[in-house]
């Protein structure tokens, strides 16, 4: 076979592989539906695949928090159109993970993206297109005055990642926790991206001090919650991490800790994205001896 024919064959196989990859991705999201959940007042939550989306809809237009995966942008726009517009004026990112920022490139063409400065840094490092990047960034916190209320993004350092924020709606008494709340399951703490279990617990304590029993709590993943749900989550994270730290202090290896496991009362918490083994390993690796 000539060199030209070999090259052509390689290009053909490569092209087929790329098309197959795209089709597989499309198939993954083909059956995803976007559910709209009324939260309170003019605030809604969209549930699809990936992080829950917060929406403020009012006289000023639409503001959204996070945007799930890129292939879902059209479906998300269709759901948003039922709330007033398919083109939000503002897009707030709670952190940089692709299941929360995948739609940035699409929405960022017409929406002003706001996020912590580390979100922009990590998206730039990941070669994200210009339209996907936050154009307004902050260090500690920033407020957006929109639809008649103060909407404040507050940085939560060294928690889920080093890029996270929660979003407080002052007048409607709603908080979007991003991935500082996996309602009903163990959390994902991304140690490789600056997250720590220690910081995660500290951030939860701060958030709990800012809200009251009537606050509607939008989780990064899972159903709409309350302060009681967030407190239950916090207690599980804190108590299980203490148990795992004790195992480590007793010179148990990571493998021995996994084998020992956690109490039966936590079985249901390991049925989600992060199972018991992965949670034990995360806590084990997050704390020094």
Protein backbone atom coordinates (compact mmCIF):
# COMPACT_ATOMS: atom_id res chain seq x y z
CA UNK A 1 0.00 0.00 0.00
CA UNK A 2 1.34 3.44 -0.91
CA UNK A 3 2.08 6.10 1.69
CA UNK A 4 -0.81 8.20 0.33
CA UNK A 5 -3.26 5.32 0.72
CA UNK A 6 -2.02 4.63 4.27
CA UNK A 7 -2.44 8.31 5.17
CA UNK A 8 -5.92 8.35 3.67
CA UNK A 9 -6.86 5.24 5.64
CA UNK A 10 -5.61 6.83 8.87
CA UNK A 11 -7.60 9.99 8.21
CA UNK A 12 -10.72 7.95 7.46
CA UNK A 13 -10.42 5.95 10.70
CA UNK A 14 -9.70 9.11 12.70
CA UNK A 15 -12.71 10.83 11.16
CA UNK A 16 -14.98 7.89 11.90
CA UNK A 17 -13.72 7.86 15.50
CA UNK A 18 -14.48 11.56 15.93
CA UNK A 19 -17.97 11.21 14.47
CA UNK A 20 -18.64 8.16 16.67
CA UNK A 21 -17.54 10.14 19.72
CA UNK A 22 -19.89 13.03 18.89
CA UNK A 23 -22.79 10.66 18.21
CA UNK A 24 -22.15 8.84 21.48
CA UNK A 25 -22.24 12.14 23.34
CA UNK A 26 -25.48 13.12 21.60
CA UNK A 27 -27.01 9.73 22.46
CA UNK A 28 -26.06 10.23 26.10
CA UNK A 29 -28.25 13.33 26.33
CA UNK A 30 -30.92 12.38 23.77
CA UNK A 31 -33.45 11.32 26.39
CA UNK A 32 -32.70 14.01 28.96
CA UNK A 33 -35.67 16.19 29.82
CA UNK A 34 -35.48 19.52 31.62
CA UNK A 35 -37.86 19.74 34.57
CA UNK A 36 -38.83 23.14 35.96
CA UNK A 37 -39.41 23.29 39.72
CA UNK A 38 -40.97 26.39 41.29
CA UNK A 39 -38.85 27.41 44.27
CA UNK A 40 -40.27 30.66 45.64
CA UNK A 41 -41.41 33.96 44.19
CA UNK A 42 -39.73 34.45 40.84
CA UNK A 43 -37.06 31.80 41.50
CA UNK A 44 -37.13 28.40 39.79
CA UNK A 45 -34.84 25.40 39.54
CA UNK A 46 -34.17 23.42 36.37
CA UNK A 47 -33.29 19.74 36.74
CA UNK A 48 -31.76 17.86 33.82
CA UNK A 49 -28.37 16.18 33.63
CA UNK A 50 -25.59 17.78 35.61
CA UNK A 51 -25.83 20.53 38.18
CA UNK A 52 -29.19 22.05 39.06
CA UNK A 53 -29.82 25.41 37.39
CA UNK A 54 -31.20 28.34 39.37
CA UNK A 55 -33.36 30.90 37.54
CA UNK A 56 -34.51 34.39 38.47
CA UNK A 57 -37.25 35.58 36.10
CA UNK A 58 -38.77 39.06 36.31
CA UNK A 59 -39.15 42.50 34.83
CA UNK A 60 -35.40 42.81 34.24
CA UNK A 61 -35.30 39.53 32.34
CA UNK A 62 -33.66 36.23 33.24
CA UNK A 63 -30.62 35.43 35.34
CA UNK A 64 -29.43 31.83 35.58
CA UNK A 65 -27.02 29.97 37.82
CA UNK A 66 -24.99 27.30 35.99
CA UNK A 67 -25.90 25.70 32.65
CA UNK A 68 -25.20 21.93 32.76
CA UNK A 69 -23.63 20.15 29.74
CA UNK A 70 -23.08 21.75 26.32
CA UNK A 71 -25.39 19.39 24.34
CA UNK A 72 -28.32 20.40 26.57
CA UNK A 73 -28.19 24.11 25.72
CA UNK A 74 -31.13 23.97 23.28
CA UNK A 75 -33.30 22.05 25.76
CA UNK A 76 -32.39 24.47 28.54
CA UNK A 77 -33.27 27.42 26.30
CA UNK A 78 -36.65 25.85 25.57
CA UNK A 79 -37.34 25.50 29.30
CA UNK A 80 -36.18 29.06 29.96
CA UNK A 81 -38.46 30.40 27.23
CA UNK A 82 -41.40 29.18 29.30
CA UNK A 83 -40.17 31.44 32.10
CA UNK A 84 -39.95 34.53 29.91
CA UNK A 85 -36.88 34.38 27.65
CA UNK A 86 -34.44 31.90 26.18
CA UNK A 87 -31.59 34.43 26.45
CA UNK A 88 -30.57 35.18 30.04
CA UNK A 89 -28.96 38.56 30.69
CA UNK A 90 -26.69 37.12 33.38
CA UNK A 91 -25.12 33.70 33.91
CA UNK A 92 -23.54 32.97 37.29
CA UNK A 93 -21.18 29.99 37.63
CA UNK A 94 -20.92 28.33 41.06
CA UNK A 95 -17.65 26.64 39.98
CA UNK A 96 -15.80 25.41 36.89
CA UNK A 97 -16.82 21.76 36.43
CA UNK A 98 -18.24 20.90 33.03
CA UNK A 99 -21.60 19.71 34.32
CA UNK A 100 -22.14 23.28 35.57
CA UNK A 101 -20.34 25.30 32.86
CA UNK A 102 -20.69 23.15 29.74
CA UNK A 103 -23.26 25.51 28.27
CA UNK A 104 -21.13 28.61 28.85
CA UNK A 105 -19.88 28.77 25.27
CA UNK A 106 -23.47 28.87 24.03
CA UNK A 107 -25.03 31.18 26.61
CA UNK A 108 -21.93 33.35 26.91
CA UNK A 109 -22.45 34.76 23.41
CA UNK A 110 -25.29 36.93 24.70
CA UNK A 111 -25.14 36.58 28.50
CA UNK A 112 -22.76 38.27 30.93
CA UNK A 113 -20.94 35.49 32.78
CA UNK A 114 -19.97 36.18 36.40
CA UNK A 115 -17.85 33.84 38.51
CA UNK A 116 -14.99 33.69 40.99
CA UNK A 117 -11.64 34.58 39.44
CA UNK A 118 -10.43 30.99 39.81
CA UNK A 119 -13.26 29.79 37.56
CA UNK A 120 -11.95 31.92 34.74
CA UNK A 121 -8.39 30.76 35.42
CA UNK A 122 -9.31 27.08 35.27
CA UNK A 123 -11.49 27.50 32.18
CA UNK A 124 -8.66 29.36 30.43
CA UNK A 125 -6.25 26.58 31.39
CA UNK A 126 -8.72 24.11 29.91
CA UNK A 127 -8.68 25.94 26.54
CA UNK A 128 -12.31 27.00 26.79
CA UNK A 129 -13.46 29.36 24.01
CA UNK A 130 -13.68 33.07 24.77
CA UNK A 131 -17.48 33.03 24.91
CA UNK A 132 -17.33 30.46 27.75
CA UNK A 133 -15.21 32.66 30.03
CA UNK A 134 -16.52 34.84 32.86
CA UNK A 135 -16.21 38.52 31.95
CA UNK A 136 -16.83 39.71 35.52
CA UNK A 137 -14.79 38.06 38.27
CA UNK A 138 -14.31 38.69 41.98
CA UNK A 139 -12.17 37.59 44.90
CA UNK A 140 -14.47 37.29 47.93
CA UNK A 141 -18.00 38.30 46.88
CA UNK A 142 -20.02 40.38 44.45
CA UNK A 143 -23.67 41.43 44.24
CA UNK A 144 -25.95 41.69 41.22
CA UNK A 145 -29.00 43.95 41.61
CA UNK A 146 -31.59 42.30 39.39
CA UNK A 147 -35.33 41.68 39.34
CA UNK A 148 -35.81 43.79 42.45
CA UNK A 149 -33.39 42.06 44.79
CA UNK A 150 -29.77 41.73 45.79
CA UNK A 151 -28.22 38.52 44.48
CA UNK A 152 -24.85 37.88 46.10
CA UNK A 153 -22.17 35.40 45.09
CA UNK A 154 -19.91 34.46 48.00
CA UNK A 155 -16.65 32.56 47.49
CA UNK A 156 -16.31 29.32 49.44
CA UNK A 157 -12.57 28.62 49.59
CA UNK A 158 -10.91 25.21 49.49
CA UNK A 159 -14.21 23.31 49.56
CA UNK A 160 -15.61 21.38 46.63
CA UNK A 161 -12.83 22.97 44.51
CA UNK A 162 -10.88 26.23 44.79
CA UNK A 163 -13.40 27.96 42.48
CA UNK A 164 -16.70 27.65 44.35
CA UNK A 165 -19.33 30.16 45.36
CA UNK A 166 -22.84 30.01 46.78
CA UNK A 167 -25.53 32.41 45.61
CA UNK A 168 -27.82 34.19 48.08
CA UNK A 169 -31.16 35.75 47.07
CA UNK A 170 -31.78 38.21 49.88
CA UNK A 171 -35.46 39.06 49.40
CA UNK A 172 -36.85 35.70 48.35
CA UNK A 173 -34.77 33.87 51.00
CA UNK A 174 -33.25 31.35 48.62
CA UNK A 175 -29.69 30.02 48.44
CA UNK A 176 -28.09 28.08 45.60
CA UNK A 177 -25.36 25.95 47.15
CA UNK A 178 -23.70 24.65 43.99
CA UNK A 179 -21.75 21.49 44.74
CA UNK A 180 -21.48 22.34 48.40
CA UNK A 181 -24.75 20.41 48.69
CA UNK A 182 -25.47 16.93 47.30
CA UNK A 183 -28.95 16.44 48.72
CA UNK A 184 -29.12 12.88 50.07
CA UNK A 185 -25.68 11.68 49.03
CA UNK A 186 -22.00 11.85 49.90
CA UNK A 187 -20.32 14.88 48.29
CA UNK A 188 -17.69 15.00 45.59
CA UNK A 189 -14.66 16.88 46.90
CA UNK A 190 -12.26 17.48 44.02
CA UNK A 191 -8.89 17.28 45.75
CA UNK A 192 -7.06 17.63 42.43
CA UNK A 193 -8.71 21.01 41.87
CA UNK A 194 -8.01 22.61 45.24
CA UNK A 195 -10.88 21.09 47.20
CA UNK A 196 -10.51 19.85 50.79
CA UNK A 197 -12.87 18.07 53.14
CA UNK A 198 -11.76 20.44 55.91
CA UNK A 199 -12.72 23.49 53.86
CA UNK A 200 -15.95 21.86 52.70
CA UNK A 201 -17.12 21.37 56.28
CA UNK A 202 -16.11 24.91 57.26
CA UNK A 203 -18.01 26.31 54.27
CA UNK A 204 -21.13 24.37 55.19
CA UNK A 205 -20.97 25.81 58.70
CA UNK A 206 -20.82 29.33 57.27
CA UNK A 207 -23.74 28.73 54.90
CA UNK A 208 -25.87 27.28 57.69
CA UNK A 209 -25.23 30.41 59.77
CA UNK A 210 -26.49 32.64 56.95
CA UNK A 211 -29.88 30.98 56.44
CA UNK A 212 -32.98 30.26 58.53
CA UNK A 213 -35.55 27.50 58.79
CA UNK A 214 -37.63 29.06 55.99
CA UNK A 215 -34.80 29.31 53.45
CA UNK A 216 -35.28 27.37 50.22
CA UNK A 217 -32.03 25.55 49.46
CA UNK A 218 -31.13 24.67 45.87
CA UNK A 219 -28.51 21.90 45.85
CA UNK A 220 -25.93 21.32 43.17
CA UNK A 221 -27.40 17.84 42.81
CA UNK A 222 -30.58 16.28 44.15
CA UNK A 223 -34.06 17.59 44.97
CA UNK A 224 -34.89 21.05 46.28
CA UNK A 225 -34.10 21.21 49.97
CA UNK A 226 -34.50 23.11 53.22
CA UNK A 227 -32.16 24.17 55.97
CA UNK A 228 -33.03 20.91 57.76
CA UNK A 229 -31.86 18.97 54.69
CA UNK A 230 -28.64 20.95 54.51
CA UNK A 231 -28.04 20.42 58.23
CA UNK A 232 -28.59 16.66 57.84
CA UNK A 233 -26.09 16.65 54.97
CA UNK A 234 -23.59 18.62 57.05
CA UNK A 235 -23.91 16.19 59.95
CA UNK A 236 -23.28 13.21 57.69
CA UNK A 237 -20.23 14.85 56.10
CA UNK A 238 -18.82 15.90 59.49
CA UNK A 239 -19.57 12.69 61.40
CA UNK A 240 -18.36 10.29 58.73
CA UNK A 241 -15.21 12.29 58.12
CA UNK A 242 -14.49 12.17 61.86
CA UNK A 243 -14.94 8.38 61.81
CA UNK A 244 -12.56 8.06 58.87
CA UNK A 245 -10.00 10.35 60.48
CA UNK A 246 -10.06 8.19 63.60
CA UNK A 247 -9.35 5.13 61.47
CA UNK A 248 -6.39 6.93 59.95
CA UNK A 249 -5.10 8.03 63.36
CA UNK A 250 -5.18 4.38 64.41
CA UNK A 251 -2.69 3.65 61.64
CA UNK A 252 -5.21 1.88 59.45
CA UNK A 253 -4.35 1.89 55.77
CA UNK A 254 -6.75 3.32 53.24
CA UNK A 255 -7.63 -0.19 52.11
CA UNK A 256 -8.33 -1.27 55.68
CA UNK A 257 -10.56 1.76 56.23
CA UNK A 258 -12.54 0.94 53.08
CA UNK A 259 -12.88 -2.68 54.23
CA UNK A 260 -14.08 -1.56 57.66
CA UNK A 261 -16.63 0.75 56.08
CA UNK A 262 -19.09 3.08 57.74
CA UNK A 263 -22.14 2.42 59.91
CA UNK A 264 -25.25 0.97 58.26
CA UNK A 265 -27.13 4.23 58.83
CA UNK A 266 -25.09 5.77 56.02
CA UNK A 267 -25.87 3.11 53.42
CA UNK A 268 -28.34 5.27 51.50
CA UNK A 269 -25.84 8.13 51.29
CA UNK A 270 -23.52 6.03 49.14
CA UNK A 271 -26.08 5.29 46.44
CA UNK A 272 -25.36 8.42 44.40
CA UNK A 273 -22.43 9.71 42.38
CA UNK A 274 -19.99 9.14 45.26
CA UNK A 275 -20.19 5.72 46.86
CA UNK A 276 -18.96 4.81 50.34
CA UNK A 277 -15.55 3.62 49.14
CA UNK A 278 -14.84 6.80 47.22
CA UNK A 279 -15.95 8.99 50.12
CA UNK A 280 -13.68 7.12 52.55
CA UNK A 281 -10.76 7.45 50.14
CA UNK A 282 -11.44 11.17 49.68
CA UNK A 283 -11.48 11.91 53.39
CA UNK A 284 -8.44 9.70 53.94
CA UNK A 285 -6.45 11.61 51.30
CA UNK A 286 -7.66 15.07 52.38
CA UNK A 287 -6.36 14.89 55.95
CA UNK A 288 -2.67 14.52 56.83
CA UNK A 289 -1.68 11.99 59.45
